[in-house]
Amino acid sequence: PYVIVCNHQASLDLVGMAEIIPDHCVPIVKKELLYMGSVGWACWLSGMIFIDRHKREDAINVISQTAGIMRRENVR
């Protein structure tokens, strides 16, 4: 297992990253993307996990829950 951190410059970068991200990867994105029109819809429909970066403990809990699910389902 590994973590990929992407510091992108524009919302369209997400399209390019979707092409190079390995299979069985679980994207975690900032909650603000939900409110970016079609970009938000695309993220939600593709199953991305949203975290609220302004609520640190909530974000940590979401990441921990996601990691637990990945371990149980053997996602690598």
PDB file of N, CA and C in Angstrom:
ATOM      1  N   PRO A   1       0.831  -1.199   0.000  1.00  0.00           N
ATOM      2  CA  PRO A   1       0.000   0.000   0.000  1.00  0.00           C
ATOM      3  C   PRO A   1       0.868   1.252   0.000  1.00  0.00           C
ATOM      4  N   TYR A   2       0.346   2.302  -0.564  1.00  0.00           N
ATOM      5  CA  TYR A   2       1.089   3.551  -0.607  1.00  0.00           C
ATOM      6  C   TYR A   2       0.137   4.722  -0.697  1.00  0.00           C
ATOM      7  N   VAL A   3       0.679   5.918  -0.479  1.00  0.00           N
ATOM      8  CA  VAL A   3      -0.096   7.151  -0.541  1.00  0.00           C
ATOM      9  C   VAL A   3       0.465   7.991  -1.672  1.00  0.00           C
ATOM     10  N   ILE A   4      -0.432   8.496  -2.515  1.00  0.00           N
ATOM     11  CA  ILE A   4      -0.034   9.411  -3.583  1.00  0.00           C
ATOM     12  C   ILE A   4      -0.610  10.771  -3.235  1.00  0.00           C
ATOM     13  N   VAL A   5       0.243  11.772  -3.121  1.00  0.00           N
ATOM     14  CA  VAL A   5      -0.209  13.127  -2.831  1.00  0.00           C
ATOM     15  C   VAL A   5      -0.030  13.949  -4.093  1.00  0.00           C
ATOM     16  N   CYS A   6      -1.120  14.547  -4.545  1.00  0.00           N
ATOM     17  CA  CYS A   6      -1.086  15.327  -5.784  1.00  0.00           C
ATOM     18  C   CYS A   6      -1.346  16.793  -5.482  1.00  0.00           C
ATOM     19  N   ASN A   7      -0.377  17.615  -5.757  1.00  0.00           N
ATOM     20  CA  ASN A   7      -0.534  19.057  -5.602  1.00  0.00           C
ATOM     21  C   ASN A   7      -0.814  19.626  -6.988  1.00  0.00           C
ATOM     22  N   HIS A   8      -2.069  19.659  -7.339  1.00  0.00           N
ATOM     23  CA  HIS A   8      -2.430  20.087  -8.685  1.00  0.00           C
ATOM     24  C   HIS A   8      -2.730  21.577  -8.718  1.00  0.00           C
ATOM     25  N   GLN A   9      -2.732  22.161  -9.918  1.00  0.00           N
ATOM     26  CA  GLN A   9      -2.891  23.601 -10.082  1.00  0.00           C
ATOM     27  C   GLN A   9      -4.291  24.024 -10.517  1.00  0.00           C
ATOM     28  N   ALA A  10      -5.046  23.124 -11.121  1.00  0.00           N
ATOM     29  CA  ALA A  10      -6.385  23.467 -11.611  1.00  0.00           C
ATOM     30  C   ALA A  10      -7.295  22.255 -11.470  1.00  0.00           C
ATOM     31  N   SER A  11      -8.594  22.505 -11.499  1.00  0.00           N
ATOM     32  CA  SER A  11      -9.539  21.393 -11.340  1.00  0.00           C
ATOM     33  C   SER A  11      -9.460  20.416 -12.503  1.00  0.00           C
ATOM     34  N   LEU A  12      -9.020  20.865 -13.660  1.00  0.00           N
ATOM     35  CA  LEU A  12      -8.892  19.963 -14.806  1.00  0.00           C
ATOM     36  C   LEU A  12      -7.749  18.972 -14.638  1.00  0.00           C
ATOM     37  N   ASP A  13      -6.826  19.263 -13.743  1.00  0.00           N
ATOM     38  CA  ASP A  13      -5.738  18.323 -13.468  1.00  0.00           C
ATOM     39  C   ASP A  13      -6.279  16.985 -12.991  1.00  0.00           C
ATOM     40  N   LEU A  14      -7.438  17.031 -12.355  1.00  0.00           N
ATOM     41  CA  LEU A  14      -8.074  15.818 -11.845  1.00  0.00           C
ATOM     42  C   LEU A  14      -8.325  14.816 -12.962  1.00  0.00           C
ATOM     43  N   VAL A  15      -8.684  15.305 -14.138  1.00  0.00           N
ATOM     44  CA  VAL A  15      -8.951  14.426 -15.278  1.00  0.00           C
ATOM     45  C   VAL A  15      -7.677  13.669 -15.664  1.00  0.00           C
ATOM     46  N   GLY A  16      -6.570  14.368 -15.737  1.00  0.00           N
ATOM     47  CA  GLY A  16      -5.300  13.727 -16.070  1.00  0.00           C
ATOM     48  C   GLY A  16      -4.856  12.747 -15.004  1.00  0.00           C
ATOM     49  N   MET A  17      -5.047  13.130 -13.746  1.00  0.00           N
ATOM     50  CA  MET A  17      -4.653  12.237 -12.656  1.00  0.00           C
ATOM     51  C   MET A  17      -5.486  10.959 -12.659  1.00  0.00           C
ATOM     52  N   ALA A  18      -6.741  11.066 -13.033  1.00  0.00           N
ATOM     53  CA  ALA A  18      -7.607   9.881 -13.071  1.00  0.00           C
ATOM     54  C   ALA A  18      -7.073   8.838 -14.044  1.00  0.00           C
ATOM     55  N   GLU A  19      -6.364   9.279 -15.065  1.00  0.00           N
ATOM     56  CA  GLU A  19      -5.815   8.355 -16.055  1.00  0.00           C
ATOM     57  C   GLU A  19      -4.561   7.635 -15.570  1.00  0.00           C
ATOM     58  N   ILE A  20      -3.812   8.251 -14.670  1.00  0.00           N
ATOM     59  CA  ILE A  20      -2.543   7.646 -14.249  1.00  0.00           C
ATOM     60  C   ILE A  20      -2.606   6.988 -12.871  1.00  0.00           C
ATOM     61  N   ILE A  21      -3.687   7.236 -12.123  1.00  0.00           N
ATOM     62  CA  ILE A  21      -3.825   6.633 -10.794  1.00  0.00           C
ATOM     63  C   ILE A  21      -4.026   5.128 -10.953  1.00  0.00           C
ATOM     64  N   PRO A  22      -3.307   4.326 -10.188  1.00  0.00           N
ATOM     65  CA  PRO A  22      -3.411   2.863 -10.311  1.00  0.00           C
ATOM     66  C   PRO A  22      -4.812   2.340  -9.974  1.00  0.00           C
ATOM     67  N   ASP A  23      -5.113   1.158 -10.498  1.00  0.00           N
ATOM     68  CA  ASP A  23      -6.365   0.493 -10.132  1.00  0.00           C
ATOM     69  C   ASP A  23      -6.355   0.215  -8.632  1.00  0.00           C
ATOM     70  N   HIS A  24      -7.507   0.073  -8.075  1.00  0.00           N
ATOM     71  CA  HIS A  24      -7.679  -0.203  -6.644  1.00  0.00           C
ATOM     72  C   HIS A  24      -7.160   0.933  -5.774  1.00  0.00           C
ATOM     73  N   CYS A  25      -7.122   2.130  -6.324  1.00  0.00           N
ATOM     74  CA  CYS A  25      -6.714   3.309  -5.572  1.00  0.00           C
ATOM     75  C   CYS A  25      -7.983   3.989  -5.051  1.00  0.00           C
ATOM     76  N   VAL A  26      -7.934   4.498  -3.843  1.00  0.00           N
ATOM     77  CA  VAL A  26      -9.088   5.165  -3.250  1.00  0.00           C
ATOM     78  C   VAL A  26      -8.768   6.652  -3.123  1.00  0.00           C
ATOM     79  N   PRO A  27      -9.295   7.464  -4.031  1.00  0.00           N
ATOM     80  CA  PRO A  27      -9.010   8.904  -3.977  1.00  0.00           C
ATOM     81  C   PRO A  27      -9.733   9.580  -2.811  1.00  0.00           C
ATOM     82  N   ILE A  28      -9.006  10.393  -2.075  1.00  0.00           N
ATOM     83  CA  ILE A  28      -9.566  11.203  -0.999  1.00  0.00           C
ATOM     84  C   ILE A  28      -9.361  12.655  -1.408  1.00  0.00           C
ATOM     85  N   VAL A  29     -10.453  13.403  -1.467  1.00  0.00           N
ATOM     86  CA  VAL A  29     -10.390  14.780  -1.964  1.00  0.00           C
ATOM     87  C   VAL A  29     -11.015  15.739  -0.959  1.00  0.00           C
ATOM     88  N   LYS A  30     -10.690  17.014  -1.117  1.00  0.00           N
ATOM     89  CA  LYS A  30     -11.257  18.015  -0.220  1.00  0.00           C
ATOM     90  C   LYS A  30     -12.748  18.205  -0.499  1.00  0.00           C
ATOM     91  N   LYS A  31     -13.494  18.426   0.563  1.00  0.00           N
ATOM     92  CA  LYS A  31     -14.949  18.547   0.486  1.00  0.00           C
ATOM     93  C   LYS A  31     -15.382  19.693  -0.435  1.00  0.00           C
ATOM     94  N   GLU A  32     -14.560  20.714  -0.550  1.00  0.00           N
ATOM     95  CA  GLU A  32     -14.898  21.868  -1.384  1.00  0.00           C
ATOM     96  C   GLU A  32     -15.175  21.478  -2.831  1.00  0.00           C
ATOM     97  N   LEU A  33     -14.575  20.381  -3.286  1.00  0.00           N
ATOM     98  CA  LEU A  33     -14.803  19.947  -4.670  1.00  0.00           C
ATOM     99  C   LEU A  33     -16.262  19.577  -4.927  1.00  0.00           C
ATOM    100  N   LEU A  34     -16.973  19.181  -3.887  1.00  0.00           N
ATOM    101  CA  LEU A  34     -18.390  18.832  -4.039  1.00  0.00           C
ATOM    102  C   LEU A  34     -19.200  19.989  -4.607  1.00  0.00           C
ATOM    103  N   TYR A  35     -18.762  21.203  -4.344  1.00  0.00           N
ATOM    104  CA  TYR A  35     -19.528  22.392  -4.717  1.00  0.00           C
ATOM    105  C   TYR A  35     -19.018  23.040  -6.001  1.00  0.00           C
ATOM    106  N   MET A  36     -18.273  22.299  -6.801  1.00  0.00           N
ATOM    107  CA  MET A  36     -17.715  22.849  -8.038  1.00  0.00           C
ATOM    108  C   MET A  36     -18.466  22.358  -9.275  1.00  0.00           C
ATOM    109  N   GLY A  37     -19.776  22.330  -9.192  1.00  0.00           N
ATOM    110  CA  GLY A  37     -20.596  21.975 -10.347  1.00  0.00           C
ATOM    111  C   GLY A  37     -20.335  20.573 -10.857  1.00  0.00           C
ATOM    112  N   SER A  38     -20.048  20.488 -12.146  1.00  0.00           N
ATOM    113  CA  SER A  38     -19.876  19.171 -12.773  1.00  0.00           C
ATOM    114  C   SER A  38     -18.652  18.431 -12.230  1.00  0.00           C
ATOM    115  N   VAL A  39     -17.643  19.155 -11.790  1.00  0.00           N
ATOM    116  CA  VAL A  39     -16.466  18.508 -11.192  1.00  0.00           C
ATOM    117  C   VAL A  39     -16.878  17.783  -9.911  1.00  0.00           C
ATOM    118  N   GLY A  40     -17.689  18.449  -9.096  1.00  0.00           N
ATOM    119  CA  GLY A  40     -18.173  17.840  -7.862  1.00  0.00           C
ATOM    120  C   GLY A  40     -19.018  16.606  -8.116  1.00  0.00           C
ATOM    121  N   TRP A  41     -19.910  16.711  -9.107  1.00  0.00           N
ATOM    122  CA  TRP A  41     -20.750  15.559  -9.460  1.00  0.00           C
ATOM    123  C   TRP A  41     -19.889  14.391  -9.927  1.00  0.00           C
ATOM    124  N   ALA A  42     -18.900  14.692 -10.769  1.00  0.00           N
ATOM    125  CA  ALA A  42     -18.028  13.631 -11.288  1.00  0.00           C
ATOM    126  C   ALA A  42     -17.267  12.949 -10.147  1.00  0.00           C
ATOM    127  N   CYS A  43     -16.779  13.739  -9.208  1.00  0.00           N
ATOM    128  CA  CYS A  43     -16.058  13.174  -8.056  1.00  0.00           C
ATOM    129  C   CYS A  43     -16.975  12.288  -7.232  1.00  0.00           C
ATOM    130  N   TRP A  44     -18.169  12.773  -6.966  1.00  0.00           N
ATOM    131  CA  TRP A  44     -19.124  12.019  -6.148  1.00  0.00           C
ATOM    132  C   TRP A  44     -19.541  10.727  -6.837  1.00  0.00           C
ATOM    133  N   LEU A  45     -19.857  10.827  -8.134  1.00  0.00           N
ATOM    134  CA  LEU A  45     -20.301   9.647  -8.877  1.00  0.00           C
ATOM    135  C   LEU A  45     -19.197   8.603  -9.025  1.00  0.00           C
ATOM    136  N   SER A  46     -17.942   9.046  -9.032  1.00  0.00           N
ATOM    137  CA  SER A  46     -16.845   8.092  -9.191  1.00  0.00           C
ATOM    138  C   SER A  46     -16.423   7.465  -7.862  1.00  0.00           C
ATOM    139  N   GLY A  47     -17.094   7.837  -6.780  1.00  0.00           N
ATOM    140  CA  GLY A  47     -16.835   7.193  -5.495  1.00  0.00           C
ATOM    141  C   GLY A  47     -15.687   7.769  -4.692  1.00  0.00           C
ATOM    142  N   MET A  48     -15.292   8.997  -4.983  1.00  0.00           N
ATOM    143  CA  MET A  48     -14.210   9.605  -4.212  1.00  0.00           C
ATOM    144  C   MET A  48     -14.670   9.864  -2.782  1.00  0.00           C
ATOM    145  N   ILE A  49     -13.729   9.831  -1.857  1.00  0.00           N
ATOM    146  CA  ILE A  49     -13.997  10.072  -0.444  1.00  0.00           C
ATOM    147  C   ILE A  49     -13.717  11.548  -0.171  1.00  0.00           C
ATOM    148  N   PHE A  50     -14.673  12.231   0.455  1.00  0.00           N
ATOM    149  CA  PHE A  50     -14.529  13.662   0.727  1.00  0.00           C
ATOM    150  C   PHE A  50     -14.171  13.892   2.190  1.00  0.00           C
ATOM    151  N   ILE A  51     -13.199  14.787   2.416  1.00  0.00           N
ATOM    152  CA  ILE A  51     -12.854  15.166   3.786  1.00  0.00           C
ATOM    153  C   ILE A  51     -12.966  16.678   3.934  1.00  0.00           C
ATOM    154  N   ASP A  52     -13.322  17.085   5.139  1.00  0.00           N
ATOM    155  CA  ASP A  52     -13.399  18.507   5.472  1.00  0.00           C
ATOM    156  C   ASP A  52     -12.071  18.890   6.107  1.00  0.00           C
ATOM    157  N   ARG A  53     -11.260  19.601   5.370  1.00  0.00           N
ATOM    158  CA  ARG A  53      -9.921  19.945   5.853  1.00  0.00           C
ATOM    159  C   ARG A  53      -9.948  20.921   7.020  1.00  0.00           C
ATOM    160  N   HIS A  54     -11.092  21.568   7.248  1.00  0.00           N
ATOM    161  CA  HIS A  54     -11.200  22.531   8.343  1.00  0.00           C
ATOM    162  C   HIS A  54     -11.612  21.865   9.657  1.00  0.00           C
ATOM    163  N   LYS A  55     -11.998  20.598   9.580  1.00  0.00           N
ATOM    164  CA  LYS A  55     -12.355  19.826  10.778  1.00  0.00           C
ATOM    165  C   LYS A  55     -11.386  18.654  10.873  1.00  0.00           C
ATOM    166  N   ARG A  56     -10.248  18.926  11.484  1.00  0.00           N
ATOM    167  CA  ARG A  56      -9.132  17.986  11.508  1.00  0.00           C
ATOM    168  C   ARG A  56      -9.524  16.599  12.020  1.00  0.00           C
ATOM    169  N   GLU A  57     -10.206  16.540  13.145  1.00  0.00           N
ATOM    170  CA  GLU A  57     -10.546  15.231  13.720  1.00  0.00           C
ATOM    171  C   GLU A  57     -11.500  14.455  12.825  1.00  0.00           C
ATOM    172  N   ASP A  58     -12.453  15.148  12.213  1.00  0.00           N
ATOM    173  CA  ASP A  58     -13.369  14.480  11.281  1.00  0.00           C
ATOM    174  C   ASP A  58     -12.604  13.914  10.090  1.00  0.00           C
ATOM    175  N   ALA A  59     -11.652  14.705   9.575  1.00  0.00           N
ATOM    176  CA  ALA A  59     -10.857  14.254   8.427  1.00  0.00           C
ATOM    177  C   ALA A  59     -10.034  13.022   8.794  1.00  0.00           C
ATOM    178  N   ILE A  60      -9.432  13.040   9.970  1.00  0.00           N
ATOM    179  CA  ILE A  60      -8.639  11.895  10.423  1.00  0.00           C
ATOM    180  C   ILE A  60      -9.522  10.662  10.567  1.00  0.00           C
ATOM    181  N   ASN A  61     -10.724  10.837  11.108  1.00  0.00           N
ATOM    182  CA  ASN A  61     -11.649   9.710  11.258  1.00  0.00           C
ATOM    183  C   ASN A  61     -12.045   9.122   9.914  1.00  0.00           C
ATOM    184  N   VAL A  62     -12.325   9.978   8.936  1.00  0.00           N
ATOM    185  CA  VAL A  62     -12.701   9.493   7.602  1.00  0.00           C
ATOM    186  C   VAL A  62     -11.549   8.704   6.989  1.00  0.00           C
ATOM    187  N   ILE A  63     -10.336   9.224   7.112  1.00  0.00           N
ATOM    188  CA  ILE A  63      -9.175   8.530   6.555  1.00  0.00           C
ATOM    189  C   ILE A  63      -8.956   7.195   7.275  1.00  0.00           C
ATOM    190  N   SER A  64      -9.115   7.176   8.593  1.00  0.00           N
ATOM    191  CA  SER A  64      -8.955   5.929   9.356  1.00  0.00           C
ATOM    192  C   SER A  64      -9.999   4.893   8.963  1.00  0.00           C
ATOM    193  N   GLN A  65     -11.244   5.324   8.812  1.00  0.00           N
ATOM    194  CA  GLN A  65     -12.309   4.408   8.397  1.00  0.00           C
ATOM    195  C   GLN A  65     -12.030   3.860   7.004  1.00  0.00           C
ATOM    196  N   THR A  66     -11.578   4.728   6.111  1.00  0.00           N
ATOM    197  CA  THR A  66     -11.260   4.305   4.747  1.00  0.00           C
ATOM    198  C   THR A  66     -10.129   3.284   4.758  1.00  0.00           C
ATOM    199  N   ALA A  67      -9.093   3.538   5.559  1.00  0.00           N
ATOM    200  CA  ALA A  67      -7.970   2.594   5.658  1.00  0.00           C
ATOM    201  C   ALA A  67      -8.443   1.246   6.191  1.00  0.00           C
ATOM    202  N   GLY A  68      -9.329   1.261   7.176  1.00  0.00           N
ATOM    203  CA  GLY A  68      -9.856   0.010   7.725  1.00  0.00           C
ATOM    204  C   GLY A  68     -10.622  -0.793   6.686  1.00  0.00           C
ATOM    205  N   ILE A  69     -11.446  -0.114   5.915  1.00  0.00           N
ATOM    206  CA  ILE A  69     -12.201  -0.785   4.852  1.00  0.00           C
ATOM    207  C   ILE A  69     -11.249  -1.361   3.811  1.00  0.00           C
ATOM    208  N   MET A  70     -10.216  -0.589   3.459  1.00  0.00           N
ATOM    209  CA  MET A  70      -9.249  -1.067   2.466  1.00  0.00           C
ATOM    210  C   MET A  70      -8.538  -2.325   2.961  1.00  0.00           C
ATOM    211  N   ARG A  71      -8.190  -2.363   4.247  1.00  0.00           N
ATOM    212  CA  ARG A  71      -7.529  -3.555   4.803  1.00  0.00           C
ATOM    213  C   ARG A  71      -8.471  -4.755   4.793  1.00  0.00           C
ATOM    214  N   ARG A  72      -9.710  -4.539   5.231  1.00  0.00           N
ATOM    215  CA  ARG A  72     -10.680  -5.645   5.276  1.00  0.00           C
ATOM    216  C   ARG A  72     -10.976  -6.201   3.892  1.00  0.00           C
ATOM    217  N   GLU A  73     -11.056  -5.318   2.900  1.00  0.00           N
ATOM    218  CA  GLU A  73     -11.393  -5.758   1.544  1.00  0.00           C
ATOM    219  C   GLU A  73     -10.158  -6.064   0.706  1.00  0.00           C
ATOM    220  N   ASN A  74      -8.977  -5.990   1.344  1.00  0.00           N
ATOM    221  CA  ASN A  74      -7.714  -6.300   0.683  1.00  0.00           C
ATOM    222  C   ASN A  74      -7.492  -5.461  -0.577  1.00  0.00           C
ATOM    223  N   VAL A  75      -7.789  -4.165  -0.471  1.00  0.00           N
ATOM    224  CA  VAL A  75      -7.554  -3.244  -1.587  1.00  0.00           C
ATOM    225  C   VAL A  75      -6.098  -2.833  -1.545  1.00  0.00           C
ATOM    226  N   ARG A  76      -5.390  -3.071  -2.623  1.00  0.00           N
ATOM    227  CA  ARG A  76      -3.962  -2.714  -2.700  1.00  0.00           C
ATOM    228  C   ARG A  76      -3.674  -2.024  -3.999  1.00  0.00           C
TER     229      ARG A  76
END
